[in-house]
Amino acid sequence: MNNKNVIFMNLNFEIMEGILYVTDDNNKKKFVQIDLEKYGEMWSEFYDILIAESRKNDERIPLEEVKRMFAANEL
């Protein structure tokens, strides 16, 4: 399935209150909707984990170099 061409997906695969899975025509989970009023605090923690995971292969700069760059107004 090409997600660019998806107009509608099923919105009825709820496992727990406030968590709704969006599934494709084969009932495969594709997306999730989270009730932020219920899970907003947990969402921010989960989002932080996603950001960290997405950056795990980024180039690392030693702390001393960052301090030097900051002092030289290079950041």
Protein backbone atom coordinates (compact mmCIF):
# COMPACT_ATOMS: atom_id res chain seq x y z
CA MET A 1 0.00 0.00 0.00
CA ASN A 2 1.29 3.44 -0.91
CA ASN A 3 0.51 5.86 1.95
CA LYS A 4 0.50 8.84 -0.42
CA ASN A 5 -2.69 7.50 -1.99
CA VAL A 6 -4.54 6.66 1.21
CA ILE A 7 -7.75 8.63 1.60
CA PHE A 8 -9.34 6.70 4.45
CA MET A 9 -8.19 4.10 6.91
CA ASN A 10 -10.15 2.24 9.55
CA LEU A 11 -10.34 4.06 12.88
CA ASN A 12 -11.78 1.28 14.99
CA PHE A 13 -8.91 -0.70 16.47
CA GLU A 14 -8.94 0.54 20.06
CA ILE A 15 -6.93 -1.49 22.57
CA MET A 16 -7.23 0.77 25.60
CA GLU A 17 -9.17 3.90 26.45
CA GLY A 18 -7.61 6.97 24.85
CA ILE A 19 -5.38 5.00 22.44
CA LEU A 20 -6.74 4.51 18.93
CA TYR A 21 -4.89 2.61 16.21
CA VAL A 22 -5.49 3.53 12.59
CA THR A 23 -5.32 0.42 10.42
CA ASP A 24 -5.07 -0.26 6.72
CA ASP A 25 -7.42 -2.44 4.68
CA ASN A 26 -5.64 -5.55 5.99
CA ASN A 27 -6.16 -4.41 9.60
CA LYS A 28 -2.42 -3.75 9.94
CA LYS A 29 -1.68 -0.98 12.45
CA LYS A 30 -0.30 2.07 10.59
CA PHE A 31 -0.79 5.05 12.92
CA VAL A 32 -1.85 5.75 16.48
CA GLN A 33 -3.96 8.53 17.94
CA ILE A 34 -3.36 9.38 21.60
CA ASP A 35 -5.76 11.30 23.83
CA LEU A 36 -3.44 14.06 25.04
CA GLU A 37 -5.83 15.12 27.79
CA LYS A 38 -5.44 11.63 29.26
CA TYR A 39 -1.82 10.84 28.29
CA GLY A 40 -0.28 14.26 27.61
CA GLU A 41 2.41 13.94 30.26
CA MET A 42 3.39 10.49 29.04
CA TRP A 43 3.38 11.70 25.43
CA SER A 44 6.11 14.25 26.13
CA GLU A 45 8.31 11.49 27.57
CA PHE A 46 7.61 9.24 24.59
CA TYR A 47 8.32 12.10 22.17
CA ASP A 48 11.68 12.75 23.88
CA ILE A 49 12.57 9.09 23.34
CA LEU A 50 11.64 9.35 19.65
CA ILE A 51 13.84 12.43 19.24
CA ALA A 52 16.77 10.74 20.99
CA GLU A 53 16.35 7.62 18.86
CA SER A 54 16.25 9.66 15.65
CA ARG A 55 19.54 11.35 16.60
CA LYS A 56 21.46 8.32 17.83
CA ASN A 57 23.66 8.22 14.71
CA ASP A 58 24.28 11.97 14.52
CA GLU A 59 27.84 13.22 14.62
CA ARG A 60 28.96 13.83 18.18
CA ILE A 61 30.92 16.89 19.25
CA PRO A 62 33.04 16.66 22.40
CA LEU A 63 31.85 18.85 25.27
CA GLU A 64 35.11 20.84 25.31
CA GLU A 65 34.63 21.67 21.61
CA VAL A 66 31.05 22.80 22.24
CA LYS A 67 32.26 25.02 25.10
CA ARG A 68 34.93 26.50 22.82
CA MET A 69 32.39 27.11 20.05
CA PHE A 70 29.98 28.71 22.49
CA ALA A 71 32.69 30.98 23.91
CA ALA A 72 33.68 31.99 20.37
CA ASN A 73 29.99 32.68 19.56
CA GLU A 74 30.05 29.99 16.85
CA LEU A 75 26.82 28.35 18.01
